[in-house]
C-alpha atoms as a PDB file:
ATOM      1  CA  MET A   1      33.810  34.687  -4.031  1.00  0.00           C
ATOM      2  CA  PRO A   2      36.297  31.894  -3.411  1.00  0.00           C
ATOM      3  CA  TYR A   3      37.055  30.699  -6.962  1.00  0.00           C
ATOM      4  CA  VAL A   4      36.572  32.361 -10.336  1.00  0.00           C
ATOM      5  CA  ILE A   5      36.602  30.946 -13.856  1.00  0.00           C
ATOM      6  CA  ALA A   6      38.136  33.399 -16.337  1.00  0.00           C
ATOM      7  CA  SER A   7      38.417  33.814 -20.108  1.00  0.00           C
ATOM      8  CA  PRO A   8      40.530  30.718 -20.933  1.00  0.00           C
ATOM      9  CA  CYS A   9      37.341  28.692 -20.337  1.00  0.00           C
ATOM     10  CA  ILE A  10      35.356  30.541 -23.019  1.00  0.00           C
ATOM     11  CA  ASP A  11      34.506  28.145 -25.856  1.00  0.00           C
ATOM     12  CA  ILE A  12      36.620  25.395 -24.219  1.00  0.00           C
ATOM     13  CA  MET A  13      34.508  24.194 -21.252  1.00  0.00           C
ATOM     14  CA  ASP A  14      36.483  21.001 -20.557  1.00  0.00           C
ATOM     15  CA  ARG A  15      34.189  20.237 -17.569  1.00  0.00           C
ATOM     16  CA  SER A  16      36.894  18.411 -15.562  1.00  0.00           C
ATOM     17  CA  CYS A  17      36.236  20.917 -12.797  1.00  0.00           C
ATOM     18  CA  ILE A  18      32.553  19.932 -12.657  1.00  0.00           C
ATOM     19  CA  GLU A  19      33.496  16.284 -12.144  1.00  0.00           C
ATOM     20  CA  GLU A  20      35.986  17.215  -9.408  1.00  0.00           C
ATOM     21  CA  CYS A  21      33.777  19.645  -7.435  1.00  0.00           C
ATOM     22  CA  PRO A  22      32.511  17.976  -4.235  1.00  0.00           C
ATOM     23  CA  VAL A  23      29.611  20.413  -3.790  1.00  0.00           C
ATOM     24  CA  ASP A  24      28.385  20.689  -7.405  1.00  0.00           C
ATOM     25  CA  CYS A  25      28.796  24.485  -7.514  1.00  0.00           C
ATOM     26  CA  ILE A  26      30.053  24.897 -11.098  1.00  0.00           C
ATOM     27  CA  TYR A  27      27.326  25.799 -13.580  1.00  0.00           C
ATOM     28  CA  GLU A  28      27.361  25.621 -17.349  1.00  0.00           C
ATOM     29  CA  GLY A  29      26.529  28.610 -19.512  1.00  0.00           C
ATOM     30  CA  GLU A  30      26.517  28.528 -23.297  1.00  0.00           C
ATOM     31  CA  ARG A  31      30.214  29.381 -23.794  1.00  0.00           C
ATOM     32  CA  LYS A  32      31.727  29.260 -20.280  1.00  0.00           C
ATOM     33  CA  LEU A  33      31.473  27.695 -16.827  1.00  0.00           C
ATOM     34  CA  TYR A  34      30.732  29.707 -13.661  1.00  0.00           C
ATOM     35  CA  VAL A  35      31.424  29.060  -9.946  1.00  0.00           C
ATOM     36  CA  ASN A  36      28.485  29.861  -7.664  1.00  0.00           C
ATOM     37  CA  PRO A  37      29.972  32.032  -4.881  1.00  0.00           C
ATOM     38  CA  LYS A  38      27.207  31.083  -2.422  1.00  0.00           C
ATOM     39  CA  GLU A  39      27.744  27.348  -2.891  1.00  0.00           C
ATOM     40  CA  CYS A  40      31.539  27.094  -3.272  1.00  0.00           C
ATOM     41  CA  ILE A  41      33.302  25.836  -0.135  1.00  0.00           C
ATOM     42  CA  ASP A  42      36.709  27.157  -1.246  1.00  0.00           C
ATOM     43  CA  CYS A  43      38.254  23.661  -1.318  1.00  0.00           C
ATOM     44  CA  GLY A  44      40.286  24.252  -4.481  1.00  0.00           C
ATOM     45  CA  ALA A  45      39.598  20.833  -6.023  1.00  0.00           C
ATOM     46  CA  CYS A  46      38.609  22.427  -9.331  1.00  0.00           C
ATOM     47  CA  GLU A  47      41.732  24.505  -9.888  1.00  0.00           C
ATOM     48  CA  PRO A  48      44.392  21.841 -10.570  1.00  0.00           C
ATOM     49  CA  VAL A  49      42.221  19.817 -12.978  1.00  0.00           C
ATOM     50  CA  CYS A  50      41.503  22.711 -15.346  1.00  0.00           C
ATOM     51  CA  PRO A  51      43.567  22.027 -18.488  1.00  0.00           C
ATOM     52  CA  VAL A  52      43.544  25.688 -19.571  1.00  0.00           C
ATOM     53  CA  GLU A  53      44.272  27.159 -16.108  1.00  0.00           C
ATOM     54  CA  ALA A  54      41.097  29.236 -16.160  1.00  0.00           C
ATOM     55  CA  ILE A  55      40.331  28.817 -12.440  1.00  0.00           C
ATOM     56  CA  ALA A  56      41.852  30.821  -9.586  1.00  0.00           C
ATOM     57  CA  GLN A  57      40.942  32.126  -6.159  1.00  0.00           C
ATOM     58  CA  ASP A  58      39.411  35.576  -6.457  1.00  0.00           C
ATOM     59  CA  ARG A  59      42.399  37.185  -4.752  1.00  0.00           C
ATOM     60  CA  ARG A  60      44.808  35.454  -7.172  1.00  0.00           C
ATOM     61  CA  VAL A  61      43.094  36.229 -10.479  1.00  0.00           C
ATOM     62  CA  GLU A  62      45.502  37.712 -13.033  1.00  0.00           C
ATOM     63  CA  PRO A  63      45.106  41.498 -13.390  1.00  0.00           C
ATOM     64  CA  ASP A  64      43.820  41.256 -16.970  1.00  0.00           C
ATOM     65  CA  GLN A  65      41.160  38.747 -15.826  1.00  0.00           C
ATOM     66  CA  LYS A  66      39.789  40.627 -12.795  1.00  0.00           C
ATOM     67  CA  VAL A  67      36.623  41.548 -14.693  1.00  0.00           C
ATOM     68  CA  PHE A  68      35.610  37.889 -14.327  1.00  0.00           C
ATOM     69  CA  ILE A  69      35.335  38.184 -10.543  1.00  0.00           C
ATOM     70  CA  GLU A  70      32.255  40.383 -10.885  1.00  0.00           C
ATOM     71  CA  ASP A  71      31.097  38.539 -13.999  1.00  0.00           C
ATOM     72  CA  ASN A  72      30.976  35.181 -12.168  1.00  0.00           C
ATOM     73  CA  ARG A  73      28.830  36.766  -9.449  1.00  0.00           C
ATOM     74  CA  ALA A  74      26.606  38.427 -12.047  1.00  0.00           C
ATOM     75  CA  PHE A  75      25.793  35.054 -13.625  1.00  0.00           C
ATOM     76  CA  PHE A  76      23.915  34.130 -10.439  1.00  0.00           C
ATOM     77  CA  VAL A  77      22.424  37.453  -9.292  1.00  0.00           C
ATOM     78  CA  GLU A  78      21.354  39.153 -12.523  1.00  0.00           C
ATOM     79  CA  VAL A  79      18.519  38.189 -14.851  1.00  0.00           C
ATOM     80  CA  LEU A  80      20.157  36.717 -17.941  1.00  0.00           C
ATOM     81  CA  THR A  81      18.749  36.791 -21.466  1.00  0.00           C
ATOM     82  CA  GLY A  82      15.860  34.354 -21.801  1.00  0.00           C
ATOM     83  CA  ARG A  83      15.390  33.896 -18.052  1.00  0.00           C
ATOM     84  CA  ASP A  84      12.663  35.343 -15.836  1.00  0.00           C
ATOM     85  CA  ALA A  85      14.661  35.564 -12.612  1.00  0.00           C
ATOM     86  CA  PRO A  86      18.231  35.349 -11.345  1.00  0.00           C
ATOM     87  CA  LEU A  87      19.595  31.829 -10.929  1.00  0.00           C
ATOM     88  CA  GLY A  88      20.560  32.460  -7.308  1.00  0.00           C
ATOM     89  CA  ALA A  89      21.858  29.471  -5.361  1.00  0.00           C
ATOM     90  CA  PRO A  90      19.704  26.512  -6.429  1.00  0.00           C
ATOM     91  CA  GLY A  91      21.775  23.975  -4.494  1.00  0.00           C
ATOM     92  CA  GLY A  92      23.820  22.357  -7.221  1.00  0.00           C
ATOM     93  CA  SER A  93      24.252  22.443 -10.959  1.00  0.00           C
ATOM     94  CA  ARG A  94      22.943  18.913 -11.452  1.00  0.00           C
ATOM     95  CA  LYS A  95      19.539  20.083 -10.206  1.00  0.00           C
ATOM     96  CA  VAL A  96      19.220  22.739 -12.936  1.00  0.00           C
ATOM     97  CA  GLY A  97      21.363  21.326 -15.746  1.00  0.00           C
ATOM     98  CA  ASP A  98      22.889  23.388 -18.535  1.00  0.00           C
ATOM     99  CA  ILE A  99      21.811  27.026 -18.146  1.00  0.00           C
ATOM    100  CA  GLY A 100      22.442  27.671 -21.853  1.00  0.00           C
ATOM    101  CA  VAL A 101      23.075  31.416 -21.602  1.00  0.00           C
ATOM    102  CA  ASP A 102      25.978  33.579 -20.525  1.00  0.00           C
ATOM    103  CA  THR A 103      26.553  36.991 -19.059  1.00  0.00           C
ATOM    104  CA  PRO A 104      26.789  39.882 -21.548  1.00  0.00           C
ATOM    105  CA  LEU A 105      30.590  39.946 -21.064  1.00  0.00           C
ATOM    106  CA  VAL A 106      30.988  36.331 -22.121  1.00  0.00           C
ATOM    107  CA  SER A 107      28.316  36.464 -24.833  1.00  0.00           C
ATOM    108  CA  GLY A 108      30.141  39.342 -26.494  1.00  0.00           C
ATOM    109  CA  TRP A 109      33.661  37.971 -25.987  1.00  0.00           C
ATOM    110  CA  ALA A 110      35.534  37.798 -29.277  1.00  0.00           C
END
């Protein structure tokens, strides 16, 4: 997974990264944003515009945030609460809009 959005995004969701992403690969959960690993082209445009520094390449994620590497992937490959199937790679967040749910990790984040 090229880029990961970690805990500083929870309950902030500035969305500057969505506006900057040239391939529309950043999806909106209820409390946090998620980068689709199948759609991201690893360009890095999202990282410098994040005001809370929540975005990093997967190999540069801070040690205490590494759990978000798997969690970002899980958002797209697991069936989330209230959904019938995994989100997968639908070809851009504008096509599907706000997903409105999060992974269990983010939903339970205090």
